Amino acid sequence: MTNLPNPPHTGTPHPAQDALLHALGLTGPTPELDAFAARLAQAAGVPYAMVNIFGDQQQFFGLHTPGEDSDLPTVGRSMPLDHGFCPEVVDRRKALVLPDVFSSPRFAGNTVVDLIGIRTYAGAPLVHGDTVLGTVCFVGPVERDLSTGRDSLTLIKQHRDHVMAFLHQRAGIQP
């Protein structure tokens, strides 16, 4: 597999990146990726977790949300590229942990803070070669103490590594 430069996250994937997504079996949501998201949400103790692939919008190929009996907002399988914190992770090409999004004015005004009440976030990029495919992330409505940042970083990186290992193994591709 060729290493591809990442196109800006503000548009449609480059055709070669689209081919890579297909080679990795990333053509849409799957029960396996939903299960990864559910395990991440449980491990993080939050109601939401996603395996997020970037195209002309953010697509949640793996998604865990609160049950129907919850009074928390519902999250669908897609979101605009200017919503949330995952676009920052893709641009930075490294993990981002925000135990309390309000502690950073840069992130406190993000649309998801108001739409679904996000107060804590952790995300890590899904990288194949030089290409960032998307992210794995968890979000929650309750802020965390800043001292939880290191543990959240370790957790999100472990889950990112598990997702990438699964994708590579399923596709028979060496990382």
N, C-alpha and C. Protein backbone atom coordinates (compact mmCIF):
# COMPACT_ATOMS: atom_id res chain seq x y z
N MET A 1 0.85 -1.18 0.00
CA MET A 1 0.00 0.00 0.00
C MET A 1 0.90 1.24 0.00
N THR A 2 0.58 2.19 -0.80
CA THR A 2 1.33 3.43 -0.89
C THR A 2 0.94 4.37 0.24
N ASN A 3 1.93 5.08 0.76
CA ASN A 3 1.63 6.12 1.74
C ASN A 3 1.17 7.36 1.00
N LEU A 4 0.03 7.89 1.41
CA LEU A 4 -0.57 9.01 0.70
C LEU A 4 -0.54 10.26 1.56
N PRO A 5 -0.30 11.41 0.96
CA PRO A 5 -0.44 12.63 1.75
C PRO A 5 -1.91 12.84 2.09
N ASN A 6 -2.14 13.40 3.24
CA ASN A 6 -3.52 13.66 3.64
C ASN A 6 -4.08 14.86 2.91
N PRO A 7 -5.28 14.70 2.31
CA PRO A 7 -5.94 15.89 1.76
C PRO A 7 -6.47 16.72 2.91
N PRO A 8 -6.72 17.98 2.69
CA PRO A 8 -7.32 18.78 3.76
C PRO A 8 -8.63 18.15 4.20
N HIS A 9 -8.98 18.25 5.49
CA HIS A 9 -10.20 17.61 5.98
C HIS A 9 -11.45 18.36 5.58
N THR A 10 -11.31 19.36 4.75
CA THR A 10 -12.48 20.16 4.37
C THR A 10 -13.11 19.73 3.06
N GLY A 11 -12.72 18.59 2.51
CA GLY A 11 -13.31 18.19 1.24
C GLY A 11 -13.39 16.70 1.09
N THR A 12 -13.73 16.28 -0.10
CA THR A 12 -13.87 14.87 -0.43
C THR A 12 -12.50 14.21 -0.41
N PRO A 13 -12.43 12.93 0.03
CA PRO A 13 -11.14 12.26 0.05
C PRO A 13 -10.51 12.19 -1.33
N HIS A 14 -9.21 12.23 -1.37
CA HIS A 14 -8.44 12.02 -2.58
C HIS A 14 -8.79 10.61 -3.09
N PRO A 15 -8.87 10.39 -4.41
CA PRO A 15 -9.24 9.06 -4.92
C PRO A 15 -8.35 7.93 -4.38
N ALA A 16 -7.04 8.20 -4.22
CA ALA A 16 -6.15 7.16 -3.67
C ALA A 16 -6.48 6.88 -2.21
N GLN A 17 -6.89 7.92 -1.46
CA GLN A 17 -7.28 7.70 -0.08
C GLN A 17 -8.58 6.89 -0.04
N ASP A 18 -9.49 7.18 -0.95
CA ASP A 18 -10.73 6.42 -1.04
C ASP A 18 -10.43 4.95 -1.31
N ALA A 19 -9.46 4.67 -2.18
CA ALA A 19 -9.06 3.29 -2.47
C ALA A 19 -8.48 2.63 -1.22
N LEU A 20 -7.72 3.37 -0.44
CA LEU A 20 -7.16 2.83 0.80
C LEU A 20 -8.28 2.49 1.79
N LEU A 21 -9.27 3.37 1.91
CA LEU A 21 -10.41 3.09 2.78
C LEU A 21 -11.09 1.79 2.37
N HIS A 22 -11.29 1.60 1.07
CA HIS A 22 -11.91 0.36 0.59
C HIS A 22 -11.02 -0.85 0.87
N ALA A 23 -9.70 -0.71 0.66
CA ALA A 23 -8.78 -1.81 0.93
C ALA A 23 -8.82 -2.22 2.40
N LEU A 24 -9.04 -1.26 3.28
CA LEU A 24 -9.12 -1.55 4.72
C LEU A 24 -10.53 -1.96 5.15
N GLY A 25 -11.43 -2.05 4.19
CA GLY A 25 -12.80 -2.46 4.51
C GLY A 25 -13.63 -1.36 5.15
N LEU A 26 -13.21 -0.12 4.99
CA LEU A 26 -13.92 1.02 5.57
C LEU A 26 -14.89 1.60 4.55
N THR A 27 -15.97 0.86 4.33
CA THR A 27 -16.97 1.28 3.36
C THR A 27 -18.26 1.74 4.02
N GLY A 28 -18.36 1.57 5.32
CA GLY A 28 -19.55 1.99 6.05
C GLY A 28 -19.54 1.41 7.44
N PRO A 29 -20.55 1.73 8.23
CA PRO A 29 -20.63 1.23 9.60
C PRO A 29 -20.65 -0.30 9.64
N THR A 30 -20.03 -0.86 10.68
CA THR A 30 -20.03 -2.31 10.87
C THR A 30 -20.28 -2.63 12.34
N PRO A 31 -20.84 -3.79 12.60
CA PRO A 31 -21.03 -4.21 13.99
C PRO A 31 -19.71 -4.30 14.76
N GLU A 32 -18.63 -4.70 14.08
CA GLU A 32 -17.33 -4.80 14.75
C GLU A 32 -16.84 -3.43 15.22
N LEU A 33 -16.99 -2.41 14.38
CA LEU A 33 -16.55 -1.08 14.79
C LEU A 33 -17.49 -0.48 15.83
N ASP A 34 -18.78 -0.80 15.75
CA ASP A 34 -19.69 -0.40 16.82
C ASP A 34 -19.26 -1.03 18.15
N ALA A 35 -18.82 -2.29 18.11
CA ALA A 35 -18.37 -2.96 19.33
C ALA A 35 -17.11 -2.30 19.89
N PHE A 36 -16.19 -1.88 19.01
CA PHE A 36 -15.01 -1.14 19.48
C PHE A 36 -15.45 0.14 20.19
N ALA A 37 -16.39 0.85 19.60
CA ALA A 37 -16.87 2.10 20.20
C ALA A 37 -17.54 1.83 21.55
N ALA A 38 -18.31 0.76 21.64
CA ALA A 38 -18.99 0.43 22.91
C ALA A 38 -17.97 0.10 23.99
N ARG A 39 -16.93 -0.65 23.64
CA ARG A 39 -15.89 -0.98 24.63
C ARG A 39 -15.15 0.28 25.08
N LEU A 40 -14.90 1.18 24.15
CA LEU A 40 -14.22 2.42 24.51
C LEU A 40 -15.09 3.26 25.44
N ALA A 41 -16.37 3.41 25.12
CA ALA A 41 -17.27 4.18 25.97
C ALA A 41 -17.32 3.59 27.38
N GLN A 42 -17.39 2.28 27.47
CA GLN A 42 -17.44 1.63 28.77
C GLN A 42 -16.13 1.86 29.53
N ALA A 43 -15.01 1.67 28.87
CA ALA A 43 -13.71 1.84 29.53
C ALA A 43 -13.51 3.29 30.00
N ALA A 44 -14.01 4.24 29.21
CA ALA A 44 -13.85 5.65 29.54
C ALA A 44 -14.92 6.15 30.52
N GLY A 45 -15.99 5.39 30.66
CA GLY A 45 -17.08 5.80 31.55
C GLY A 45 -17.86 6.98 31.01
N VAL A 46 -18.07 6.98 29.68
CA VAL A 46 -18.80 8.06 29.02
C VAL A 46 -19.92 7.47 28.16
N PRO A 47 -20.91 8.28 27.80
CA PRO A 47 -22.02 7.76 27.00
C PRO A 47 -21.76 7.67 25.50
N TYR A 48 -20.74 8.35 24.99
CA TYR A 48 -20.52 8.40 23.55
C TYR A 48 -19.08 8.00 23.20
N ALA A 49 -18.94 7.21 22.13
CA ALA A 49 -17.62 6.91 21.57
C ALA A 49 -17.81 6.62 20.09
N MET A 50 -16.79 6.94 19.30
CA MET A 50 -16.91 6.83 17.86
C MET A 50 -15.62 6.33 17.21
N VAL A 51 -15.77 5.64 16.09
CA VAL A 51 -14.70 5.40 15.14
C VAL A 51 -15.11 6.22 13.93
N ASN A 52 -14.36 7.27 13.68
CA ASN A 52 -14.76 8.36 12.81
C ASN A 52 -13.86 8.39 11.57
N ILE A 53 -14.46 8.26 10.39
CA ILE A 53 -13.71 8.30 9.13
C ILE A 53 -14.08 9.59 8.40
N PHE A 54 -13.06 10.30 7.92
CA PHE A 54 -13.27 11.59 7.28
C PHE A 54 -13.44 11.45 5.78
N GLY A 55 -14.41 12.13 5.24
CA GLY A 55 -14.65 12.27 3.81
C GLY A 55 -15.16 13.67 3.61
N ASP A 56 -16.32 13.81 2.93
CA ASP A 56 -16.89 15.13 2.78
C ASP A 56 -17.60 15.56 4.06
N GLN A 57 -17.71 14.63 5.01
CA GLN A 57 -18.15 14.92 6.37
C GLN A 57 -17.56 13.83 7.27
N GLN A 58 -17.75 13.95 8.56
CA GLN A 58 -17.31 12.93 9.48
C GLN A 58 -18.35 11.81 9.49
N GLN A 59 -17.91 10.59 9.26
CA GLN A 59 -18.80 9.43 9.25
C GLN A 59 -18.42 8.52 10.41
N PHE A 60 -19.38 8.18 11.25
CA PHE A 60 -19.13 7.32 12.40
C PHE A 60 -19.35 5.87 11.99
N PHE A 61 -18.27 5.21 11.56
CA PHE A 61 -18.34 3.81 11.15
C PHE A 61 -18.47 2.91 12.37
N GLY A 62 -18.07 3.41 13.51
CA GLY A 62 -18.30 2.76 14.79
C GLY A 62 -18.93 3.80 15.70
N LEU A 63 -20.03 3.45 16.36
CA LEU A 63 -20.74 4.43 17.17
C LEU A 63 -21.36 3.77 18.39
N HIS A 64 -21.17 4.42 19.53
CA HIS A 64 -21.87 4.03 20.75
C HIS A 64 -22.51 5.28 21.32
N THR A 65 -23.81 5.21 21.55
CA THR A 65 -24.56 6.33 22.14
C THR A 65 -25.41 5.79 23.28
N PRO A 66 -25.91 6.70 24.13
CA PRO A 66 -26.78 6.25 25.21
C PRO A 66 -28.03 5.58 24.65
N GLY A 67 -28.64 4.73 25.45
CA GLY A 67 -29.85 4.04 25.03
C GLY A 67 -31.03 4.99 24.87
N GLU A 68 -32.09 4.49 24.30
CA GLU A 68 -33.28 5.30 24.05
C GLU A 68 -33.91 5.83 25.33
N ASP A 69 -33.68 5.15 26.45
CA ASP A 69 -34.27 5.60 27.71
C ASP A 69 -33.48 6.73 28.36
N SER A 70 -32.37 7.13 27.75
CA SER A 70 -31.55 8.22 28.29
C SER A 70 -32.14 9.58 27.90
N ASP A 71 -31.90 10.57 28.72
CA ASP A 71 -32.33 11.92 28.38
C ASP A 71 -31.20 12.71 27.69
N LEU A 72 -30.08 12.03 27.38
CA LEU A 72 -28.99 12.67 26.66
C LEU A 72 -29.33 12.78 25.17
N PRO A 73 -28.79 13.77 24.48
CA PRO A 73 -29.08 13.94 23.05
C PRO A 73 -28.65 12.74 22.22
N THR A 74 -29.37 12.52 21.15
CA THR A 74 -29.07 11.46 20.20
C THR A 74 -28.00 11.96 19.23
N VAL A 75 -27.11 11.07 18.83
CA VAL A 75 -26.07 11.39 17.86
C VAL A 75 -26.25 10.46 16.68
N GLY A 76 -26.25 11.02 15.47
CA GLY A 76 -26.37 10.22 14.26
C GLY A 76 -25.02 9.72 13.79
N ARG A 77 -25.00 9.14 12.61
CA ARG A 77 -23.77 8.54 12.08
C ARG A 77 -22.91 9.50 11.28
N SER A 78 -23.28 10.77 11.20
CA SER A 78 -22.44 11.72 10.49
C SER A 78 -22.52 13.09 11.16
N MET A 79 -21.52 13.91 10.86
CA MET A 79 -21.44 15.24 11.44
C MET A 79 -20.63 16.12 10.49
N PRO A 80 -20.97 17.39 10.37
CA PRO A 80 -20.18 18.28 9.52
C PRO A 80 -18.72 18.35 9.96
N LEU A 81 -17.86 18.66 9.01
CA LEU A 81 -16.42 18.72 9.29
C LEU A 81 -16.03 19.85 10.24
N ASP A 82 -16.90 20.84 10.42
CA ASP A 82 -16.54 21.94 11.32
C ASP A 82 -17.11 21.75 12.72
N HIS A 83 -17.67 20.58 13.02
CA HIS A 83 -18.21 20.28 14.34
C HIS A 83 -17.26 19.35 15.09
N GLY A 84 -17.18 19.51 16.36
CA GLY A 84 -16.41 18.60 17.20
C GLY A 84 -14.94 18.92 17.20
N PHE A 85 -14.21 18.03 17.85
CA PHE A 85 -12.78 18.21 18.06
C PHE A 85 -11.93 17.29 17.20
N CYS A 86 -12.55 16.30 16.55
CA CYS A 86 -11.80 15.37 15.72
C CYS A 86 -11.10 16.04 14.53
N PRO A 87 -11.67 17.07 13.90
CA PRO A 87 -10.92 17.74 12.84
C PRO A 87 -9.57 18.28 13.33
N GLU A 88 -9.50 18.72 14.56
CA GLU A 88 -8.23 19.18 15.13
C GLU A 88 -7.25 18.02 15.24
N VAL A 89 -7.73 16.85 15.63
CA VAL A 89 -6.87 15.67 15.75
C VAL A 89 -6.32 15.29 14.37
N VAL A 90 -7.17 15.32 13.35
CA VAL A 90 -6.73 14.99 11.99
C VAL A 90 -5.68 16.01 11.53
N ASP A 91 -5.93 17.29 11.74
CA ASP A 91 -4.97 18.32 11.33
C ASP A 91 -3.64 18.20 12.07
N ARG A 92 -3.71 17.93 13.38
CA ARG A 92 -2.51 17.81 14.22
C ARG A 92 -1.77 16.51 13.99
N ARG A 93 -2.52 15.48 13.57
CA ARG A 93 -1.96 14.15 13.38
C ARG A 93 -1.47 13.54 14.69
N LYS A 94 -2.05 13.99 15.79
CA LYS A 94 -1.72 13.39 17.08
C LYS A 94 -2.91 13.53 18.02
N ALA A 95 -2.87 12.76 19.08
CA ALA A 95 -3.99 12.69 20.02
C ALA A 95 -4.24 14.04 20.69
N LEU A 96 -5.49 14.22 21.10
CA LEU A 96 -5.91 15.41 21.82
C LEU A 96 -6.82 14.98 22.96
N VAL A 97 -6.50 15.44 24.16
CA VAL A 97 -7.30 15.15 25.34
C VAL A 97 -7.72 16.47 25.97
N LEU A 98 -9.03 16.61 26.17
CA LEU A 98 -9.60 17.79 26.81
C LEU A 98 -10.45 17.32 27.99
N PRO A 99 -9.85 17.17 29.18
CA PRO A 99 -10.65 16.73 30.32
C PRO A 99 -11.84 17.65 30.60
N ASP A 100 -11.64 18.94 30.38
CA ASP A 100 -12.72 19.92 30.53
C ASP A 100 -12.58 20.92 29.39
N VAL A 101 -13.45 20.80 28.37
CA VAL A 101 -13.32 21.67 27.20
C VAL A 101 -13.44 23.15 27.57
N PHE A 102 -14.12 23.45 28.69
CA PHE A 102 -14.26 24.85 29.09
C PHE A 102 -12.96 25.45 29.62
N SER A 103 -11.97 24.61 29.93
CA SER A 103 -10.71 25.13 30.42
C SER A 103 -9.86 25.70 29.28
N SER A 104 -10.28 25.50 28.04
CA SER A 104 -9.57 26.03 26.88
C SER A 104 -10.52 26.87 26.04
N PRO A 105 -10.36 28.19 26.05
CA PRO A 105 -11.26 29.04 25.26
C PRO A 105 -11.33 28.65 23.78
N ARG A 106 -10.23 28.13 23.25
CA ARG A 106 -10.21 27.72 21.84
C ARG A 106 -11.24 26.64 21.56
N PHE A 107 -11.46 25.74 22.51
CA PHE A 107 -12.36 24.61 22.30
C PHE A 107 -13.73 24.80 22.93
N ALA A 108 -13.85 25.70 23.88
CA ALA A 108 -15.11 25.89 24.62
C ALA A 108 -16.26 26.33 23.73
N GLY A 109 -15.97 27.03 22.64
CA GLY A 109 -17.02 27.54 21.76
C GLY A 109 -17.40 26.61 20.62
N ASN A 110 -16.89 25.37 20.61
CA ASN A 110 -17.19 24.45 19.54
C ASN A 110 -18.69 24.12 19.52
N THR A 111 -19.21 23.92 18.35
CA THR A 111 -20.64 23.67 18.15
C THR A 111 -21.17 22.51 18.99
N VAL A 112 -20.37 21.44 19.16
CA VAL A 112 -20.87 20.27 19.91
C VAL A 112 -21.05 20.56 21.39
N VAL A 113 -20.39 21.59 21.88
CA VAL A 113 -20.57 21.95 23.29
C VAL A 113 -22.03 22.34 23.51
N ASP A 114 -22.57 23.15 22.62
CA ASP A 114 -23.96 23.57 22.75
C ASP A 114 -24.96 22.53 22.25
N LEU A 115 -24.65 21.85 21.14
CA LEU A 115 -25.60 20.91 20.56
C LEU A 115 -25.85 19.68 21.44
N ILE A 116 -24.78 19.09 21.96
CA ILE A 116 -24.98 17.88 22.75
C ILE A 116 -24.33 17.95 24.13
N GLY A 117 -23.87 19.12 24.50
CA GLY A 117 -23.39 19.31 25.87
C GLY A 117 -22.07 18.64 26.19
N ILE A 118 -21.17 18.59 25.23
CA ILE A 118 -19.88 17.94 25.45
C ILE A 118 -19.02 18.76 26.41
N ARG A 119 -18.48 18.10 27.41
CA ARG A 119 -17.59 18.74 28.38
C ARG A 119 -16.23 18.06 28.46
N THR A 120 -16.14 16.79 28.01
CA THR A 120 -14.85 16.10 28.01
C THR A 120 -14.67 15.39 26.68
N TYR A 121 -13.42 15.34 26.20
CA TYR A 121 -13.12 14.75 24.91
C TYR A 121 -11.74 14.13 24.95
N ALA A 122 -11.59 13.00 24.26
CA ALA A 122 -10.28 12.42 23.97
C ALA A 122 -10.37 11.77 22.60
N GLY A 123 -9.40 12.05 21.76
CA GLY A 123 -9.39 11.47 20.42
C GLY A 123 -7.97 11.23 19.94
N ALA A 124 -7.80 10.21 19.11
CA ALA A 124 -6.49 9.89 18.53
C ALA A 124 -6.69 9.58 17.05
N PRO A 125 -5.71 9.95 16.23
CA PRO A 125 -5.85 9.73 14.79
C PRO A 125 -5.69 8.25 14.41
N LEU A 126 -6.47 7.84 13.43
CA LEU A 126 -6.32 6.52 12.82
C LEU A 126 -5.41 6.72 11.61
N VAL A 127 -4.19 6.19 11.70
CA VAL A 127 -3.17 6.46 10.70
C VAL A 127 -2.72 5.17 10.04
N HIS A 128 -2.69 5.19 8.72
CA HIS A 128 -2.10 4.09 7.94
C HIS A 128 -0.99 4.71 7.10
N GLY A 129 0.25 4.33 7.36
CA GLY A 129 1.37 4.95 6.67
C GLY A 129 1.40 6.43 7.00
N ASP A 130 1.31 7.26 5.98
CA ASP A 130 1.28 8.71 6.18
C ASP A 130 -0.12 9.29 6.08
N THR A 131 -1.12 8.43 5.98
CA THR A 131 -2.48 8.89 5.76
C THR A 131 -3.31 8.80 7.04
N VAL A 132 -3.90 9.93 7.43
CA VAL A 132 -4.84 9.94 8.55
C VAL A 132 -6.23 9.67 7.97
N LEU A 133 -6.80 8.56 8.39
CA LEU A 133 -8.11 8.13 7.88
C LEU A 133 -9.25 8.79 8.63
N GLY A 134 -9.02 9.06 9.90
CA GLY A 134 -10.05 9.61 10.78
C GLY A 134 -9.56 9.55 12.21
N THR A 135 -10.48 9.26 13.12
CA THR A 135 -10.13 9.24 14.54
C THR A 135 -10.91 8.16 15.27
N VAL A 136 -10.45 7.86 16.45
CA VAL A 136 -11.23 7.14 17.44
C VAL A 136 -11.34 8.12 18.60
N CYS A 137 -12.55 8.26 19.16
CA CYS A 137 -12.72 9.27 20.21
C CYS A 137 -13.81 8.89 21.19
N PHE A 138 -13.76 9.55 22.34
CA PHE A 138 -14.87 9.46 23.28
C PHE A 138 -15.19 10.86 23.77
N VAL A 139 -16.47 11.08 24.07
CA VAL A 139 -16.93 12.36 24.57
C VAL A 139 -17.96 12.12 25.67
N GLY A 140 -18.05 13.11 26.55
CA GLY A 140 -19.01 13.00 27.63
C GLY A 140 -19.51 14.35 28.07
N PRO A 141 -20.65 14.37 28.77
CA PRO A 141 -21.27 15.62 29.20
C PRO A 141 -20.79 16.14 30.55
N VAL A 142 -19.86 15.43 31.18
CA VAL A 142 -19.36 15.84 32.50
C VAL A 142 -17.86 16.08 32.41
N GLU A 143 -17.44 17.27 32.85
CA GLU A 143 -16.01 17.56 32.82
C GLU A 143 -15.27 16.65 33.78
N ARG A 144 -13.98 16.49 33.51
CA ARG A 144 -13.11 15.68 34.36
C ARG A 144 -12.01 16.57 34.92
N ASP A 145 -11.45 16.13 36.01
CA ASP A 145 -10.32 16.83 36.59
C ASP A 145 -9.15 16.76 35.60
N LEU A 146 -8.38 17.82 35.53
CA LEU A 146 -7.25 17.86 34.60
C LEU A 146 -6.26 16.73 34.86
N SER A 147 -6.22 16.23 36.09
CA SER A 147 -5.28 15.14 36.43
C SER A 147 -5.63 13.83 35.71
N THR A 148 -6.80 13.73 35.09
CA THR A 148 -7.20 12.51 34.38
C THR A 148 -6.66 12.47 32.95
N GLY A 149 -6.02 13.54 32.52
CA GLY A 149 -5.56 13.65 31.14
C GLY A 149 -4.64 12.54 30.69
N ARG A 150 -3.65 12.20 31.49
CA ARG A 150 -2.69 11.16 31.11
C ARG A 150 -3.37 9.80 30.94
N ASP A 151 -4.26 9.46 31.87
CA ASP A 151 -4.97 8.18 31.77
C ASP A 151 -5.86 8.16 30.53
N SER A 152 -6.53 9.27 30.22
CA SER A 152 -7.37 9.34 29.02
C SER A 152 -6.52 9.21 27.76
N LEU A 153 -5.35 9.82 27.77
CA LEU A 153 -4.45 9.73 26.61
C LEU A 153 -4.02 8.28 26.40
N THR A 154 -3.64 7.61 27.45
CA THR A 154 -3.24 6.20 27.34
C THR A 154 -4.40 5.36 26.81
N LEU A 155 -5.58 5.57 27.37
CA LEU A 155 -6.76 4.81 26.96
C LEU A 155 -7.10 5.02 25.49
N ILE A 156 -7.10 6.27 25.03
CA ILE A 156 -7.50 6.54 23.65
C ILE A 156 -6.46 5.99 22.67
N LYS A 157 -5.19 6.06 23.02
CA LYS A 157 -4.16 5.51 22.14
C LYS A 157 -4.25 3.99 22.07
N GLN A 158 -4.54 3.33 23.20
CA GLN A 158 -4.70 1.87 23.19
C GLN A 158 -5.86 1.47 22.28
N HIS A 159 -6.96 2.16 22.39
CA HIS A 159 -8.12 1.82 21.56
C HIS A 159 -7.86 2.14 20.10
N ARG A 160 -7.16 3.21 19.82
CA ARG A 160 -6.77 3.52 18.44
C ARG A 160 -5.92 2.37 17.88
N ASP A 161 -4.96 1.89 18.67
CA ASP A 161 -4.09 0.81 18.21
C ASP A 161 -4.89 -0.48 17.97
N HIS A 162 -5.87 -0.76 18.82
CA HIS A 162 -6.71 -1.94 18.64
C HIS A 162 -7.54 -1.84 17.35
N VAL A 163 -8.09 -0.67 17.09
CA VAL A 163 -8.88 -0.48 15.87
C VAL A 163 -8.00 -0.67 14.64
N MET A 164 -6.82 -0.04 14.63
CA MET A 164 -5.94 -0.16 13.46
C MET A 164 -5.47 -1.60 13.28
N ALA A 165 -5.15 -2.30 14.36
CA ALA A 165 -4.73 -3.71 14.25
C ALA A 165 -5.87 -4.55 13.65
N PHE A 166 -7.09 -4.30 14.10
CA PHE A 166 -8.24 -5.01 13.56
C PHE A 166 -8.39 -4.74 12.06
N LEU A 167 -8.31 -3.47 11.67
CA LEU A 167 -8.47 -3.12 10.24
C LEU A 167 -7.39 -3.76 9.39
N HIS A 168 -6.15 -3.72 9.86
CA HIS A 168 -5.05 -4.31 9.10
C HIS A 168 -5.21 -5.82 9.01
N GLN A 169 -5.55 -6.46 10.13
CA GLN A 169 -5.71 -7.92 10.12
C GLN A 169 -6.87 -8.32 9.21
N ARG A 170 -7.99 -7.64 9.33
CA ARG A 170 -9.17 -7.97 8.52
C ARG A 170 -8.85 -7.84 7.03
N ALA A 171 -8.06 -6.84 6.67
CA ALA A 171 -7.74 -6.60 5.26
C ALA A 171 -6.52 -7.39 4.78
N GLY A 172 -5.80 -8.03 5.72
CA GLY A 172 -4.59 -8.75 5.35
C GLY A 172 -3.48 -7.81 4.90
N ILE A 173 -3.45 -6.62 5.50
CA ILE A 173 -2.46 -5.60 5.15
C ILE A 173 -1.49 -5.43 6.31
N GLN A 174 -0.21 -5.34 5.99
CA GLN A 174 0.79 -5.05 7.01
C GLN A 174 0.77 -3.56 7.31
N PRO A 175 0.84 -3.20 8.59
CA PRO A 175 0.83 -1.75 8.92
C PRO A 175 2.08 -1.04 8.42
